[in-house]
Amino acid sequence: MRLYRILISVFLLFNIANINAQESHDFEISKNLDIYTSLIQQLDLHYVDEIQPGTMTKTAIDAMLKHLDPYTNYYPESMIEDVRFLQTGKYGGIGSTMHIKNGNIVVGMTYPGFPFNEAGLRAGDIILKIDDEDVFGKKMREISEHLKGASGTSLKVVYKSAKDANEKTVSLKREEIVVKDVPYFTMLDDSIAYVKLVGFKQNAAKEVKLAIDSLSKTNVINSVVLDLRNNGGGLLIQAVNILDLFVDAGELIVSTKGKTKKENYSYKTRHHANYPDMKVVVLVNKNSASASEIVAGSFQDLDRGVIMGQKSFGKGLVQKVFPLSYRSQVKITVAKYYIPSGRCIQSLDYIHKDASGKAVKTPDSLMATFKTKGGRLVKDAGGIIPDLKLETKNSSDIVSSLMRNYEIFDFATKYVYSHDTIRDIKKFEINDELYSEFVNFVNADSFNFTLPIEIELDKLRSFSDKKNYDITDELDALEKKIEVSKKSIYDDNKEILKPLIKEELVSRYFFNSGRVEAMLQYDSEVREAIKLLINENRYYKILHNNN
């Protein structure tokens, strides 16, 4: 009886402690909300100039969420189309990409069949006004908010044509823009299919299936290369649905674990596989994240496909969108996910930050080892480590500078207005004559780039001046050698730049699908995937290697 009374007392004390802790937590939230409300009221009453409560609140919320992780985000009503796009791949807008150069808002790719393209705007045109408001110098977020909106709503755009530099005005209506997750698919040889997947929105799995089935109508396919490079992820359920195409029912694909019980869930395949015997190579790189890593990691853990490329990004967090007042919404990290072997591939710890406030990377020494279904050893290495690692070529300084300054883009804009079309993507080549045209265009554009060695040389000059070292002649001689080497830099990087120029030129006539097709001709990683799929012994040896 005495033991019983003790147990009852402990139980009551435990519950009282929990209640007190919860009450303290609730009071802390209520107190801080009251402080914030009082602060806004006092600022509104007494600050010398008029304040913008909406803008200030957005800034405060963004700063608060930044303390958590990069994926927990607040969306005011004006950004509601962004949320819809994340979930569905659809948004109300004009169907075009944009970028900023020298303060100008430049039209990137316009999607055929959508408002901008139908109204005659093309890549390289400069947006001057949207609904009578000048846009020069504005940030991309502001431009996006101007252009996006409910389908059927009107807007007026004034732009300068890249073709003839004339100002033109168009009135158009926003439409529902649908961005495909599979922009391109093709046969790599008689039996190997290629599917490029760029996202995981609500139709991703259906698009992958449609691509393979379409190719199967005229080909006997025994293998597929699923390209997830630079795919930042999306809806978790679409990753599960894609595995459902290749893996029979009942296999665990991913489980989630969060603070609340409803976030703890296991996702299994539900149907008989559509392609149970098809060999699979999944291509990944450092920008393959989230749902891409669920797909790649599950293929690896189930010994169902070979992963090739470079180590993936390492995002093992799950987000959900919740409604807030006044049609605003918030995307919150609610759980971590675990792939079939039990691994969580999250790379950064956002709760424990270093002295500078940056998230801490999990050290290699703390990597745990897991086993695949067939017994192969794999690690929770802050990303998916490929079964076959492929070296990637680092972009040279000149190439990076040309891309950042949109020189290849601008050259393509000039080219397209003197060439009606490209007849055959595969036969179209950037010959030496066309490459020289590009180099001359860049030089005429007064493009300047600085090599890292030039920066170091400037530092050395400053240091020698301070110390009164007499090395001016030596530094001048080094500077002349650098200038000589810079003159040959376009020849040195010709083989890297030619494919990039071709991709941009082709995209002007054949849009995203043309860009991917042009890229494939130079893609060494795809060639390695083909070699592996042709060599069945090597393919299955990788999958059955028990380390």
Protein backbone atom coordinates (compact mmCIF):
# COMPACT_ATOMS: atom_id res chain seq x y z
CA MET A 1 0.00 0.00 0.00
CA ARG A 2 2.84 2.36 0.89
CA LEU A 3 4.52 1.71 -2.50
CA TYR A 4 1.21 2.40 -4.20
CA ARG A 5 0.90 5.78 -2.43
CA ILE A 6 4.48 6.65 -3.45
CA LEU A 7 3.78 5.84 -7.08
CA ILE A 8 0.59 7.94 -7.03
CA SER A 9 2.51 10.84 -5.50
CA VAL A 10 5.28 10.64 -8.12
CA PHE A 11 2.69 10.48 -10.90
CA LEU A 12 0.86 13.56 -9.55
CA LEU A 13 4.09 15.50 -9.10
CA PHE A 14 5.17 14.63 -12.66
CA ASN A 15 1.87 15.81 -14.12
CA ILE A 16 1.86 18.98 -12.02
CA ALA A 17 5.39 19.73 -13.27
CA ASN A 18 4.27 19.18 -16.86
CA ILE A 19 1.24 21.43 -16.38
CA ASN A 20 3.38 24.14 -14.79
CA ALA A 21 5.93 23.89 -17.62
CA GLN A 22 3.18 24.15 -20.25
CA GLU A 23 1.59 27.10 -18.45
CA SER A 24 5.00 28.81 -18.30
CA HIS A 25 5.56 28.14 -22.01
CA ASP A 26 2.10 29.48 -22.92
CA PHE A 27 2.66 32.57 -20.77
CA GLU A 28 6.00 33.23 -22.50
CA ILE A 29 4.31 33.16 -25.92
CA SER A 30 1.42 35.36 -24.75
CA LYS A 31 3.81 37.85 -23.10
CA ASN A 32 5.96 38.25 -26.23
CA LEU A 33 2.94 38.65 -28.52
CA ASP A 34 1.68 41.41 -26.19
CA ILE A 35 5.12 43.11 -26.24
CA TYR A 36 5.19 43.04 -30.04
CA THR A 37 1.65 44.44 -30.33
CA SER A 38 2.46 47.22 -27.85
CA LEU A 39 5.68 48.04 -29.72
CA ILE A 40 3.92 48.40 -33.09
CA GLN A 41 1.26 50.61 -31.49
CA GLN A 42 3.85 52.90 -29.91
CA LEU A 43 5.83 53.15 -33.14
CA ASP A 44 2.67 53.98 -35.08
CA LEU A 45 1.75 56.70 -32.57
CA HIS A 46 5.12 58.31 -31.96
CA TYR A 47 7.66 57.55 -34.73
CA VAL A 48 8.61 60.73 -36.60
CA ASP A 49 7.61 59.36 -40.05
CA GLU A 50 4.80 57.11 -41.20
CA ILE A 51 5.61 53.44 -40.67
CA GLN A 52 4.62 50.48 -42.83
CA PRO A 53 3.27 47.90 -40.33
CA GLY A 54 2.90 45.16 -42.97
CA THR A 55 6.47 45.51 -44.23
CA MET A 56 7.88 45.75 -40.70
CA THR A 57 5.97 42.67 -39.56
CA LYS A 58 7.17 40.67 -42.58
CA THR A 59 10.75 41.72 -41.76
CA ALA A 60 10.33 40.72 -38.11
CA ILE A 61 8.80 37.35 -38.98
CA ASP A 62 11.51 36.57 -41.56
CA ALA A 63 14.24 37.40 -39.01
CA MET A 64 12.56 35.15 -36.42
CA LEU A 65 12.23 32.21 -38.82
CA LYS A 66 15.80 32.67 -40.07
CA HIS A 67 16.86 31.68 -36.55
CA LEU A 68 15.32 28.23 -37.16
CA ASP A 69 16.22 26.92 -40.63
CA PRO A 70 16.12 28.10 -44.28
CA TYR A 71 13.01 26.03 -45.05
CA THR A 72 10.57 27.46 -42.50
CA ASN A 73 9.08 30.42 -44.39
CA TYR A 74 6.25 32.92 -44.04
CA TYR A 75 4.10 33.82 -47.05
CA PRO A 76 1.86 36.92 -46.88
CA GLU A 77 -1.24 37.03 -49.04
CA SER A 78 0.72 38.74 -51.84
CA MET A 79 2.90 35.61 -52.18
CA ILE A 80 0.06 33.09 -52.22
CA GLU A 81 0.90 32.05 -55.80
CA ASP A 82 4.37 30.99 -54.65
CA VAL A 83 2.82 28.54 -52.19
CA ARG A 84 0.47 27.16 -54.83
CA PHE A 85 3.42 26.62 -57.19
CA LEU A 86 5.38 24.71 -54.54
CA GLN A 87 2.46 22.36 -54.01
CA THR A 88 0.99 21.97 -57.48
CA GLY A 89 3.45 23.28 -60.07
CA LYS A 90 0.79 25.81 -61.03
CA TYR A 91 0.58 29.55 -60.48
CA GLY A 92 -1.20 32.55 -61.89
CA GLY A 93 1.25 34.54 -63.98
CA ILE A 94 2.74 35.38 -67.35
CA GLY A 95 4.94 32.32 -68.09
CA SER A 96 8.50 33.61 -68.18
CA THR A 97 11.77 33.62 -66.27
CA MET A 98 13.59 36.89 -65.50
CA HIS A 99 16.99 38.09 -64.39
CA ILE A 100 18.58 41.41 -63.46
CA LYS A 101 21.52 42.97 -65.28
CA ASN A 102 22.77 46.47 -64.51
CA GLY A 103 19.47 47.26 -62.78
CA ASN A 104 17.41 46.23 -65.82
CA ILE A 105 14.74 43.53 -65.58
CA VAL A 106 15.54 41.20 -68.47
CA VAL A 107 13.15 38.61 -69.88
CA GLY A 108 14.68 35.13 -69.78
CA MET A 109 12.90 32.14 -71.29
CA THR A 110 9.25 32.64 -72.24
CA TYR A 111 7.10 29.50 -72.18
CA PRO A 112 5.28 28.84 -75.47
CA GLY A 113 1.51 29.20 -75.29
CA PHE A 114 1.52 31.48 -72.24
CA PRO A 115 0.88 35.26 -71.95
CA PHE A 116 4.36 36.76 -72.44
CA ASN A 117 5.21 34.51 -75.37
CA GLU A 118 1.78 35.02 -76.97
CA ALA A 119 2.10 38.80 -76.57
CA GLY A 120 5.39 38.76 -78.49
CA LEU A 121 7.91 39.18 -75.66
CA ARG A 122 11.12 37.24 -76.14
CA ALA A 123 14.33 36.48 -74.26
CA GLY A 124 16.48 39.60 -73.95
CA ASP A 125 13.62 42.11 -73.92
CA ILE A 126 13.84 44.62 -71.05
CA ILE A 127 10.81 45.31 -68.84
CA LEU A 128 10.40 49.05 -68.24
CA LYS A 129 7.03 49.34 -66.51
CA ILE A 130 4.41 47.06 -65.00
CA ASP A 131 0.98 48.69 -64.59
CA ASP A 132 2.58 52.15 -65.07
CA GLU A 133 5.17 51.58 -62.34
CA ASP A 134 8.85 51.89 -63.28
CA VAL A 135 10.71 48.69 -62.42
CA PHE A 136 14.34 49.69 -63.01
CA GLY A 137 16.44 48.87 -59.96
CA LYS A 138 13.76 46.79 -58.25
CA LYS A 139 14.52 43.44 -56.66
CA MET A 140 13.38 40.20 -58.26
CA ARG A 141 10.98 39.49 -55.39
CA GLU A 142 9.16 42.77 -56.09
CA ILE A 143 8.94 41.99 -59.81
CA SER A 144 7.59 38.52 -59.09
CA GLU A 145 4.86 39.95 -56.86
CA HIS A 146 3.87 42.38 -59.63
CA LEU A 147 3.67 39.71 -62.33
CA LYS A 148 2.04 36.90 -60.39
CA GLY A 149 -1.63 36.98 -59.47
CA ALA A 150 -4.94 35.26 -59.87
CA SER A 151 -5.60 33.72 -63.28
CA GLY A 152 -7.71 36.03 -65.43
CA THR A 153 -6.54 39.30 -63.85
CA SER A 154 -5.11 41.98 -66.17
CA LEU A 155 -1.83 43.82 -66.30
CA LYS A 156 -0.05 46.24 -68.63
CA VAL A 157 3.63 45.87 -69.50
CA VAL A 158 5.92 48.38 -71.21
CA TYR A 159 9.12 46.85 -72.54
CA LYS A 160 12.07 47.60 -74.82
CA SER A 161 12.43 45.07 -77.62
CA ALA A 162 15.82 43.42 -77.93
CA LYS A 163 15.21 43.10 -81.66
CA ASP A 164 14.85 46.77 -82.58
CA ALA A 165 15.23 48.68 -79.25
CA ASN A 166 11.72 50.15 -79.66
CA GLU A 167 9.43 50.64 -76.66
CA LYS A 168 6.25 48.60 -76.84
CA THR A 169 3.19 48.32 -74.64
CA VAL A 170 1.08 45.19 -74.24
CA SER A 171 -2.04 44.50 -72.20
CA LEU A 172 -2.50 40.90 -71.21
CA LYS A 173 -4.21 38.62 -68.73
CA ARG A 174 -2.52 36.31 -66.29
CA GLU A 175 -3.13 32.63 -66.89
CA GLU A 176 -2.64 29.47 -64.90
CA ILE A 177 0.95 28.48 -65.65
CA VAL A 178 1.79 24.80 -65.42
CA VAL A 179 5.47 23.90 -65.18
CA LYS A 180 6.28 20.30 -66.05
CA ASP A 181 8.51 18.22 -63.80
CA VAL A 182 9.71 16.19 -66.81
CA PRO A 183 10.78 18.75 -69.43
CA TYR A 184 12.50 16.18 -71.64
CA PHE A 185 12.79 12.43 -72.25
CA THR A 186 14.37 10.42 -75.04
CA MET A 187 16.09 7.16 -76.00
CA LEU A 188 19.85 7.09 -75.45
CA ASP A 189 20.20 3.95 -77.55
CA ASP A 190 17.90 1.15 -78.73
CA SER A 191 17.02 -0.02 -75.20
CA ILE A 192 18.02 2.73 -72.73
CA ALA A 193 15.55 5.50 -71.89
CA TYR A 194 16.48 8.88 -70.41
CA VAL A 195 14.12 10.90 -68.20
CA LYS A 196 15.04 14.35 -66.89
CA LEU A 197 13.15 15.16 -63.66
CA VAL A 198 13.47 18.74 -62.39
CA GLY A 199 10.96 18.79 -59.51
CA PHE A 200 8.50 16.83 -57.40
CA LYS A 201 5.18 18.60 -57.76
CA GLN A 202 1.79 16.90 -57.75
CA ASN A 203 2.15 15.15 -61.13
CA ALA A 204 5.83 14.17 -61.00
CA ALA A 205 5.30 10.40 -60.84
CA LYS A 206 2.62 10.51 -63.54
CA GLU A 207 4.99 12.45 -65.81
CA VAL A 208 7.81 9.92 -65.27
CA LYS A 209 5.43 7.07 -66.10
CA LEU A 210 4.07 8.91 -69.14
CA ALA A 211 7.63 9.50 -70.41
CA ILE A 212 8.64 5.83 -70.12
CA ASP A 213 5.34 4.56 -71.52
CA SER A 214 5.55 6.97 -74.47
CA LEU A 215 9.02 5.74 -75.35
CA SER A 216 7.93 2.12 -74.88
CA LYS A 217 5.40 2.45 -77.70
CA THR A 218 8.17 2.42 -80.30
CA ASN A 219 11.08 0.91 -78.35
CA VAL A 220 11.87 -2.16 -76.26
CA ILE A 221 13.21 -0.57 -73.08
CA ASN A 222 15.21 -2.58 -70.57
CA SER A 223 16.96 0.30 -68.76
CA VAL A 224 16.35 3.91 -67.72
CA VAL A 225 18.60 6.78 -66.68
CA LEU A 226 16.68 8.93 -64.18
CA ASP A 227 18.43 12.31 -64.06
CA LEU A 228 17.94 14.06 -60.68
CA ARG A 229 20.90 16.43 -60.97
CA ASN A 230 20.06 19.93 -59.74
CA ASN A 231 16.61 18.73 -58.63
CA GLY A 232 15.94 20.47 -55.30
CA GLY A 233 12.99 18.27 -54.36
CA GLY A 234 9.32 18.91 -53.64
CA LEU A 235 6.44 16.75 -52.46
CA LEU A 236 7.49 13.71 -50.41
CA ILE A 237 4.55 11.62 -51.64
CA GLN A 238 5.71 12.02 -55.24
CA ALA A 239 9.06 10.47 -54.32
CA VAL A 240 7.14 7.49 -52.91
CA ASN A 241 4.97 7.31 -56.04
CA ILE A 242 8.02 7.23 -58.30
CA LEU A 243 9.48 4.29 -56.36
CA ASP A 244 6.06 2.64 -56.70
CA LEU A 245 6.73 2.42 -60.45
CA PHE A 246 9.84 0.28 -59.92
CA VAL A 247 9.29 -1.55 -56.61
CA ASP A 248 6.51 -4.00 -55.70
CA ALA A 249 3.86 -3.24 -53.09
CA GLY A 250 4.67 -3.26 -49.38
CA GLU A 251 8.22 -1.90 -49.43
CA LEU A 252 9.00 0.84 -46.92
CA ILE A 253 10.29 3.90 -48.81
CA VAL A 254 10.47 6.62 -46.18
CA SER A 255 9.36 7.27 -42.62
CA THR A 256 8.97 10.64 -40.92
CA LYS A 257 9.48 11.47 -37.23
CA GLY A 258 8.43 14.77 -35.72
CA LYS A 259 7.42 16.46 -32.47
CA THR A 260 3.80 15.33 -32.68
CA LYS A 261 2.51 11.81 -33.25
CA LYS A 262 0.65 12.75 -36.44
CA GLU A 263 3.99 13.60 -38.06
CA ASN A 264 5.27 10.06 -37.39
CA TYR A 265 4.33 8.11 -40.48
CA SER A 266 5.68 5.33 -42.68
CA TYR A 267 5.21 5.48 -46.45
CA LYS A 268 5.19 2.18 -48.33
CA THR A 269 4.69 1.27 -51.96
CA ARG A 270 1.06 0.39 -52.67
CA HIS A 271 0.92 -1.13 -56.14
CA HIS A 272 2.55 -3.79 -58.26
CA ALA A 273 5.56 -2.27 -59.98
CA ASN A 274 5.08 -1.06 -63.55
CA TYR A 275 8.74 -1.71 -64.39
CA PRO A 276 9.87 -4.44 -61.96
CA ASP A 277 12.80 -5.71 -64.06
CA MET A 278 14.00 -2.46 -65.62
CA LYS A 279 17.61 -1.59 -64.79
CA VAL A 280 17.94 1.88 -63.27
CA VAL A 281 20.74 4.40 -62.97
CA VAL A 282 19.98 7.51 -60.92
CA LEU A 283 22.20 10.56 -61.56
CA VAL A 284 22.70 12.96 -58.63
CA ASN A 285 24.96 15.87 -57.77
CA LYS A 286 25.51 18.33 -54.92
CA ASN A 287 22.26 20.12 -55.78
CA SER A 288 20.06 17.01 -55.65
CA ALA A 289 18.08 17.48 -52.44
CA SER A 290 15.11 16.39 -50.33
CA ALA A 291 12.67 14.31 -52.43
CA SER A 292 15.52 13.64 -54.90
CA GLU A 293 17.47 12.11 -52.04
CA ILE A 294 14.49 10.01 -50.96
CA VAL A 295 14.32 8.56 -54.48
CA ALA A 296 18.07 8.04 -54.83
CA GLY A 297 18.46 6.75 -51.28
CA SER A 298 15.56 4.32 -51.62
CA PHE A 299 16.85 2.92 -54.91
CA GLN A 300 20.18 2.43 -53.13
CA ASP A 301 18.83 0.99 -49.86
CA LEU A 302 16.57 -1.46 -51.70
CA ASP A 303 19.41 -2.47 -54.08
CA ARG A 304 17.02 -1.58 -56.90
CA GLY A 305 19.23 0.82 -58.87
CA VAL A 306 22.76 2.20 -59.09
CA ILE A 307 23.41 5.77 -57.97
CA MET A 308 26.01 7.70 -59.99
CA GLY A 309 27.46 11.20 -59.75
CA GLN A 310 28.50 13.25 -56.74
CA LYS A 311 27.35 13.29 -53.11
CA SER A 312 23.88 14.84 -52.82
CA PHE A 313 22.92 17.96 -50.85
CA GLY A 314 21.87 16.43 -47.53
CA LYS A 315 18.37 17.72 -46.74
CA GLY A 316 16.52 15.28 -44.52
CA LEU A 317 13.80 17.63 -43.29
CA VAL A 318 10.07 17.63 -44.07
CA GLN A 319 7.92 20.75 -44.35
CA LYS A 320 4.17 21.32 -44.27
CA VAL A 321 2.16 24.43 -45.13
CA PHE A 322 -0.29 25.78 -42.54
CA PRO A 323 -2.90 28.56 -42.97
CA LEU A 324 -2.63 31.79 -40.99
CA SER A 325 -4.88 34.84 -40.62
CA TYR A 326 -5.70 37.08 -43.59
CA ARG A 327 -4.89 34.43 -46.22
CA SER A 328 -1.23 34.31 -45.23
CA GLN A 329 0.51 30.96 -44.82
CA VAL A 330 3.58 29.46 -43.21
CA LYS A 331 5.74 26.53 -44.29
CA ILE A 332 7.14 24.78 -41.21
CA THR A 333 9.72 22.05 -40.79
CA VAL A 334 7.70 19.39 -38.96
CA ALA A 335 9.81 16.23 -39.16
CA LYS A 336 12.97 14.48 -40.26
CA TYR A 337 12.75 11.68 -42.78
CA TYR A 338 14.44 8.29 -42.77
CA ILE A 339 14.98 6.15 -45.87
CA PRO A 340 14.60 2.31 -45.91
CA SER A 341 17.91 1.44 -44.22
CA GLY A 342 17.05 3.76 -41.32
CA ARG A 343 19.37 6.58 -42.38
CA CYS A 344 18.58 10.26 -42.00
CA ILE A 345 20.72 12.12 -44.50
CA GLN A 346 20.36 15.62 -42.97
CA SER A 347 23.71 17.40 -43.32
CA LEU A 348 23.35 20.51 -41.14
CA ASP A 349 22.21 20.87 -37.53
CA TYR A 350 20.22 24.11 -37.47
CA ILE A 351 19.52 23.99 -33.73
CA HIS A 352 23.16 23.87 -32.64
CA LYS A 353 24.96 26.74 -34.34
CA ASP A 354 28.61 27.76 -34.15
CA ALA A 355 29.99 31.00 -32.74
CA SER A 356 29.25 32.86 -35.99
CA GLY A 357 25.62 31.72 -35.97
CA LYS A 358 26.00 29.19 -38.79
CA ALA A 359 24.45 25.73 -38.68
CA VAL A 360 26.87 22.99 -37.62
CA LYS A 361 27.78 20.28 -40.13
CA THR A 362 27.74 16.75 -38.80
CA PRO A 363 31.40 15.59 -38.63
CA ASP A 364 32.46 12.53 -40.62
CA SER A 365 33.54 10.84 -37.39
CA LEU A 366 29.90 10.64 -36.28
CA MET A 367 28.67 8.93 -39.46
CA ALA A 368 26.75 5.78 -38.65
CA THR A 369 26.82 2.71 -40.87
CA PHE A 370 23.65 1.02 -42.09
CA LYS A 371 22.87 -1.92 -44.37
CA THR A 372 20.87 -2.06 -47.56
CA LYS A 373 18.25 -4.75 -48.13
CA GLY A 374 20.93 -6.97 -49.66
CA GLY A 375 23.54 -6.28 -46.99
CA ARG A 376 25.65 -3.55 -48.62
CA LEU A 377 27.11 -1.00 -46.20
CA VAL A 378 25.91 2.61 -46.52
CA LYS A 379 26.37 5.69 -44.33
CA ASP A 380 24.24 8.59 -43.10
CA ALA A 381 26.82 10.92 -44.55
CA GLY A 382 24.83 14.15 -44.78
CA GLY A 383 23.76 13.22 -48.27
CA ILE A 384 23.59 10.19 -50.54
CA ILE A 385 27.05 8.90 -51.46
CA PRO A 386 26.83 7.46 -55.01
CA ASP A 387 27.64 3.82 -55.68
CA LEU A 388 29.83 5.12 -58.50
CA LYS A 389 31.42 8.51 -57.87
CA LEU A 390 32.06 10.61 -60.96
CA GLU A 391 34.51 13.49 -60.97
CA THR A 392 33.00 16.82 -61.92
CA LYS A 393 34.96 19.51 -63.72
CA ASN A 394 35.26 22.73 -61.79
CA SER A 395 34.17 25.75 -63.78
CA SER A 396 37.04 28.10 -64.61
CA ASP A 397 37.04 31.71 -63.48
CA ILE A 398 36.37 33.03 -66.98
CA VAL A 399 33.40 30.71 -67.49
CA SER A 400 31.89 31.69 -64.13
CA SER A 401 32.38 35.38 -64.92
CA LEU A 402 30.77 35.05 -68.36
CA MET A 403 27.76 33.27 -66.86
CA ARG A 404 27.35 35.78 -64.02
CA ASN A 405 27.45 38.66 -66.48
CA TYR A 406 24.98 36.93 -68.88
CA GLU A 407 27.41 37.25 -71.80
CA ILE A 408 26.36 33.92 -73.36
CA PHE A 409 22.71 34.86 -72.87
CA ASP A 410 23.25 38.27 -74.54
CA PHE A 411 25.14 36.70 -77.45
CA ALA A 412 22.22 34.33 -78.03
CA THR A 413 19.83 37.30 -78.04
CA LYS A 414 21.87 38.93 -80.80
CA TYR A 415 22.22 35.67 -82.74
CA VAL A 416 18.54 34.78 -82.81
CA TYR A 417 17.52 37.95 -84.65
CA SER A 418 19.81 37.19 -87.58
CA HIS A 419 19.06 33.46 -87.79
CA ASP A 420 15.49 32.24 -88.32
CA THR A 421 15.96 28.77 -86.93
CA ILE A 422 18.23 25.86 -86.11
CA ARG A 423 17.21 22.99 -88.36
CA ASP A 424 18.68 20.04 -86.49
CA ILE A 425 19.85 20.21 -82.86
CA LYS A 426 22.17 17.21 -83.16
CA LYS A 427 23.88 18.49 -86.31
CA PHE A 428 24.14 22.10 -85.12
CA GLU A 429 27.67 22.82 -83.89
CA ILE A 430 29.52 25.81 -82.53
CA ASN A 431 32.31 25.86 -85.11
CA ASP A 432 35.42 28.00 -84.78
CA GLU A 433 33.90 30.78 -86.87
CA LEU A 434 30.84 31.06 -84.64
CA TYR A 435 33.01 30.80 -81.55
CA SER A 436 35.12 33.72 -82.82
CA GLU A 437 31.90 35.71 -83.25
CA PHE A 438 31.14 35.05 -79.60
CA VAL A 439 34.61 36.16 -78.46
CA ASN A 440 34.36 39.34 -80.57
CA PHE A 441 30.91 40.03 -79.10
CA VAL A 442 32.21 39.69 -75.55
CA ASN A 443 35.18 41.97 -76.26
CA ALA A 444 32.91 44.57 -77.87
CA ASP A 445 30.66 44.41 -74.81
CA SER A 446 33.58 45.71 -72.71
CA PHE A 447 33.44 42.61 -70.56
CA ASN A 448 36.13 42.65 -67.91
CA PHE A 449 37.07 39.83 -65.59
CA THR A 450 39.61 39.59 -62.83
CA LEU A 451 41.60 36.45 -62.15
CA PRO A 452 42.27 35.45 -58.52
CA ILE A 453 46.00 35.90 -59.17
CA GLU A 454 45.32 39.54 -60.12
CA ILE A 455 43.59 40.12 -56.78
CA GLU A 456 46.57 38.61 -54.98
CA LEU A 457 48.92 40.76 -57.06
CA ASP A 458 47.06 43.92 -55.96
CA LYS A 459 47.36 42.81 -52.34
CA LEU A 460 51.08 42.23 -52.81
CA ARG A 461 51.51 45.71 -54.35
CA SER A 462 49.74 47.31 -51.38
CA PHE A 463 51.83 45.32 -48.92
CA SER A 464 55.10 46.16 -50.69
CA ASP A 465 54.18 49.87 -50.76
CA LYS A 466 53.53 49.86 -47.02
CA LYS A 467 56.80 48.10 -46.32
CA ASN A 468 58.72 50.14 -48.93
CA TYR A 469 59.95 47.01 -50.70
CA ASP A 470 61.66 47.70 -54.01
CA ILE A 471 59.95 45.01 -56.10
CA THR A 472 57.97 47.19 -58.52
CA ASP A 473 59.81 45.88 -61.62
CA GLU A 474 59.16 42.27 -60.62
CA LEU A 475 55.47 42.96 -60.00
CA ASP A 476 55.13 44.81 -63.33
CA ALA A 477 56.72 41.86 -65.13
CA LEU A 478 54.29 39.47 -63.44
CA GLU A 479 51.38 41.69 -64.43
CA LYS A 480 52.46 41.59 -68.09
CA LYS A 481 52.66 37.79 -68.00
CA ILE A 482 49.13 37.66 -66.58
CA GLU A 483 47.85 39.91 -69.38
CA VAL A 484 49.47 37.65 -71.98
CA SER A 485 47.85 34.56 -70.44
CA LYS A 486 44.45 36.32 -70.36
CA LYS A 487 44.59 36.85 -74.12
CA SER A 488 44.65 33.09 -74.67
CA ILE A 489 42.02 32.34 -72.05
CA TYR A 490 39.17 31.99 -74.57
CA ASP A 491 41.16 29.43 -76.55
CA ASP A 492 42.02 27.59 -73.33
CA ASN A 493 38.34 27.35 -72.38
CA LYS A 494 36.90 26.74 -75.85
CA GLU A 495 35.81 23.15 -75.18
CA ILE A 496 33.98 24.20 -72.00
CA LEU A 497 32.29 27.26 -73.52
CA LYS A 498 31.15 25.74 -76.82
CA PRO A 499 28.55 23.41 -75.22
CA LEU A 500 27.24 26.26 -73.04
CA ILE A 501 26.84 28.50 -76.07
CA LYS A 502 25.06 25.74 -77.97
CA GLU A 503 22.65 25.09 -75.08
CA GLU A 504 21.69 28.76 -74.91
CA LEU A 505 21.27 29.16 -78.67
CA VAL A 506 19.19 26.00 -78.99
CA SER A 507 16.95 27.06 -76.07
CA ARG A 508 15.87 30.16 -78.00
CA TYR A 509 14.25 27.99 -80.68
CA PHE A 510 13.32 24.81 -78.77
CA PHE A 511 12.98 26.09 -75.19
CA ASN A 512 13.75 23.84 -72.17
CA SER A 513 13.46 20.55 -74.04
CA GLY A 514 15.96 21.78 -76.63
CA ARG A 515 18.36 22.90 -73.93
CA VAL A 516 18.36 19.44 -72.31
CA GLU A 517 18.75 17.71 -75.67
CA ALA A 518 21.73 19.89 -76.54
CA MET A 519 23.27 19.28 -73.12
CA LEU A 520 23.04 15.49 -73.53
CA GLN A 521 25.40 15.52 -76.51
CA TYR A 522 28.25 16.69 -74.26
CA ASP A 523 27.22 14.93 -71.04
CA SER A 524 30.04 12.63 -69.92
CA GLU A 525 28.04 11.41 -66.90
CA VAL A 526 25.20 10.20 -69.11
CA ARG A 527 27.75 8.41 -71.26
CA GLU A 528 29.09 6.66 -68.14
CA ALA A 529 25.55 5.62 -67.23
CA ILE A 530 25.06 4.11 -70.69
CA LYS A 531 28.32 2.16 -70.37
CA LEU A 532 27.22 0.73 -67.03
CA LEU A 533 23.75 -0.28 -68.23
CA ILE A 534 25.22 -2.04 -71.27
CA ASN A 535 27.61 -3.96 -69.00
CA GLU A 536 25.09 -6.09 -67.08
CA ASN A 537 27.73 -8.02 -65.12
CA ARG A 538 29.19 -4.83 -63.70
CA TYR A 539 25.73 -3.36 -63.00
CA TYR A 540 24.54 -6.34 -60.94
CA LYS A 541 27.93 -6.78 -59.26
CA ILE A 542 27.57 -3.26 -57.81
CA LEU A 543 24.09 -4.04 -56.49
CA HIS A 544 25.11 -7.38 -54.98
CA ASN A 545 28.43 -6.26 -53.53
CA ASN A 546 28.29 -6.97 -49.79
CA ASN A 547 31.43 -4.91 -49.15
